């Protein structure tokens, strides 16, 4: 029977994956506890009831989400691209 040994490339991949994508979730959990986004939206969200409230919602939230530096989805894709480039170089 052949014994499988984990390669150095696989170990580095696992370490970097955990560092970039898993560890931030644990840090957030230990700092904030369990946060359910749906509950936050229900109690703190903006409910659009008229055209005026729609315009206010667009001005305050939609335009704010176009700020790439603070947009979490953009940050995720930047880190994913960096991670992929590092893995290809190994």
C-alpha atoms as a PDB file:
ATOM      1  CA  UNK A   1       0.000   0.000   0.000  1.00  0.00           C
ATOM      2  CA  UNK A   2       1.348   3.376  -1.021  1.00  0.00           C
ATOM      3  CA  UNK A   3       1.564   6.095   1.625  1.00  0.00           C
ATOM      4  CA  UNK A   4       0.361   9.487   0.376  1.00  0.00           C
ATOM      5  CA  UNK A   5       2.508  12.413   1.452  1.00  0.00           C
ATOM      6  CA  UNK A   6       1.297  15.971   1.131  1.00  0.00           C
ATOM      7  CA  UNK A   7       3.549  17.993  -1.144  1.00  0.00           C
ATOM      8  CA  UNK A   8       5.063  21.356  -0.246  1.00  0.00           C
ATOM      9  CA  UNK A   9       2.943  23.071  -2.899  1.00  0.00           C
ATOM     10  CA  UNK A  10      -0.239  21.617  -1.388  1.00  0.00           C
ATOM     11  CA  UNK A  11       0.794  22.671   2.114  1.00  0.00           C
ATOM     12  CA  UNK A  12       1.512  26.223   0.966  1.00  0.00           C
ATOM     13  CA  UNK A  13      -1.788  26.320  -0.905  1.00  0.00           C
ATOM     14  CA  UNK A  14      -3.724  25.197   2.195  1.00  0.00           C
ATOM     15  CA  UNK A  15      -1.900  27.681   4.422  1.00  0.00           C
ATOM     16  CA  UNK A  16      -2.544  30.629   2.100  1.00  0.00           C
ATOM     17  CA  UNK A  17      -6.168  29.615   1.509  1.00  0.00           C
ATOM     18  CA  UNK A  18      -6.834  29.464   5.239  1.00  0.00           C
ATOM     19  CA  UNK A  19      -4.969  32.738   5.781  1.00  0.00           C
ATOM     20  CA  UNK A  20      -6.843  34.675   3.068  1.00  0.00           C
ATOM     21  CA  UNK A  21     -10.333  33.167   3.142  1.00  0.00           C
ATOM     22  CA  UNK A  22     -11.021  31.228   6.358  1.00  0.00           C
ATOM     23  CA  UNK A  23      -9.182  33.171   9.080  1.00  0.00           C
ATOM     24  CA  UNK A  24     -11.062  36.468   8.471  1.00  0.00           C
ATOM     25  CA  UNK A  25     -14.350  34.689   9.217  1.00  0.00           C
ATOM     26  CA  UNK A  26     -13.017  33.442  12.557  1.00  0.00           C
ATOM     27  CA  UNK A  27     -11.665  36.885  13.460  1.00  0.00           C
ATOM     28  CA  UNK A  28     -15.014  38.474  12.637  1.00  0.00           C
ATOM     29  CA  UNK A  29     -16.864  35.840  14.690  1.00  0.00           C
ATOM     30  CA  UNK A  30     -14.651  36.357  17.740  1.00  0.00           C
ATOM     31  CA  UNK A  31     -14.888  40.169  17.490  1.00  0.00           C
ATOM     32  CA  UNK A  32     -18.610  40.562  16.691  1.00  0.00           C
ATOM     33  CA  UNK A  33     -20.283  37.269  17.494  1.00  0.00           C
ATOM     34  CA  UNK A  34     -23.058  35.902  15.342  1.00  0.00           C
ATOM     35  CA  UNK A  35     -24.490  38.578  13.049  1.00  0.00           C
ATOM     36  CA  UNK A  36     -27.324  37.669  10.711  1.00  0.00           C
ATOM     37  CA  UNK A  37     -27.445  40.202   7.849  1.00  0.00           C
ATOM     38  CA  UNK A  38     -31.168  39.685   7.292  1.00  0.00           C
ATOM     39  CA  UNK A  39     -31.968  40.769  10.845  1.00  0.00           C
ATOM     40  CA  UNK A  40     -29.825  43.880  10.468  1.00  0.00           C
ATOM     41  CA  UNK A  41     -31.625  44.808   7.240  1.00  0.00           C
ATOM     42  CA  UNK A  42     -35.046  44.183   8.782  1.00  0.00           C
ATOM     43  CA  UNK A  43     -34.432  46.447  11.773  1.00  0.00           C
ATOM     44  CA  UNK A  44     -32.025  49.011  10.282  1.00  0.00           C
ATOM     45  CA  UNK A  45     -32.720  48.795   6.538  1.00  0.00           C
ATOM     46  CA  UNK A  46     -34.139  51.427   4.283  1.00  0.00           C
ATOM     47  CA  UNK A  47     -37.654  50.617   3.178  1.00  0.00           C
ATOM     48  CA  UNK A  48     -38.591  52.277  -0.097  1.00  0.00           C
ATOM     49  CA  UNK A  49     -42.142  53.600   0.078  1.00  0.00           C
ATOM     50  CA  UNK A  50     -42.217  56.352  -2.548  1.00  0.00           C
ATOM     51  CA  UNK A  51     -40.237  57.873  -5.390  1.00  0.00           C
ATOM     52  CA  UNK A  52     -38.613  60.337  -2.990  1.00  0.00           C
ATOM     53  CA  UNK A  53     -37.416  57.559  -0.697  1.00  0.00           C
ATOM     54  CA  UNK A  54     -36.103  55.680  -3.777  1.00  0.00           C
ATOM     55  CA  UNK A  55     -34.045  58.697  -4.791  1.00  0.00           C
ATOM     56  CA  UNK A  56     -32.698  59.068  -1.244  1.00  0.00           C
ATOM     57  CA  UNK A  57     -31.851  55.347  -1.162  1.00  0.00           C
ATOM     58  CA  UNK A  58     -29.950  55.581  -4.454  1.00  0.00           C
ATOM     59  CA  UNK A  59     -28.021  58.662  -3.331  1.00  0.00           C
ATOM     60  CA  UNK A  60     -27.034  57.237   0.057  1.00  0.00           C
ATOM     61  CA  UNK A  61     -26.481  53.545  -0.652  1.00  0.00           C
ATOM     62  CA  UNK A  62     -25.982  52.788  -4.324  1.00  0.00           C
ATOM     63  CA  UNK A  63     -23.447  55.515  -4.973  1.00  0.00           C
ATOM     64  CA  UNK A  64     -21.647  54.597  -1.746  1.00  0.00           C
ATOM     65  CA  UNK A  65     -21.289  50.986  -2.962  1.00  0.00           C
ATOM     66  CA  UNK A  66     -19.424  52.203  -6.057  1.00  0.00           C
ATOM     67  CA  UNK A  67     -16.501  53.224  -3.834  1.00  0.00           C
ATOM     68  CA  UNK A  68     -14.115  50.400  -4.754  1.00  0.00           C
ATOM     69  CA  UNK A  69     -11.874  50.830  -1.720  1.00  0.00           C
ATOM     70  CA  UNK A  70     -14.694  50.077   0.754  1.00  0.00           C
ATOM     71  CA  UNK A  71     -16.682  47.619  -1.372  1.00  0.00           C
ATOM     72  CA  UNK A  72     -16.202  44.132   0.184  1.00  0.00           C
ATOM     73  CA  UNK A  73     -16.919  42.286  -3.063  1.00  0.00           C
ATOM     74  CA  UNK A  74     -14.213  44.244  -4.888  1.00  0.00           C
ATOM     75  CA  UNK A  75     -11.761  43.579  -2.037  1.00  0.00           C
ATOM     76  CA  UNK A  76     -12.584  39.862  -2.202  1.00  0.00           C
ATOM     77  CA  UNK A  77     -11.868  39.705  -5.935  1.00  0.00           C
ATOM     78  CA  UNK A  78      -8.580  41.583  -5.520  1.00  0.00           C
ATOM     79  CA  UNK A  79      -7.447  39.129  -2.843  1.00  0.00           C
ATOM     80  CA  UNK A  80      -8.657  36.193  -4.942  1.00  0.00           C
ATOM     81  CA  UNK A  81      -6.624  37.441  -7.922  1.00  0.00           C
ATOM     82  CA  UNK A  82      -3.528  37.899  -5.755  1.00  0.00           C
ATOM     83  CA  UNK A  83      -4.035  34.452  -4.227  1.00  0.00           C
ATOM     84  CA  UNK A  84      -4.414  32.863  -7.668  1.00  0.00           C
ATOM     85  CA  UNK A  85      -1.246  34.597  -8.913  1.00  0.00           C
ATOM     86  CA  UNK A  86       0.720  33.386  -5.869  1.00  0.00           C
ATOM     87  CA  UNK A  87      -0.495  29.814  -6.359  1.00  0.00           C
ATOM     88  CA  UNK A  88       0.468  29.855 -10.051  1.00  0.00           C
ATOM     89  CA  UNK A  89       4.000  30.978  -9.159  1.00  0.00           C
ATOM     90  CA  UNK A  90       4.548  28.155  -6.669  1.00  0.00           C
END
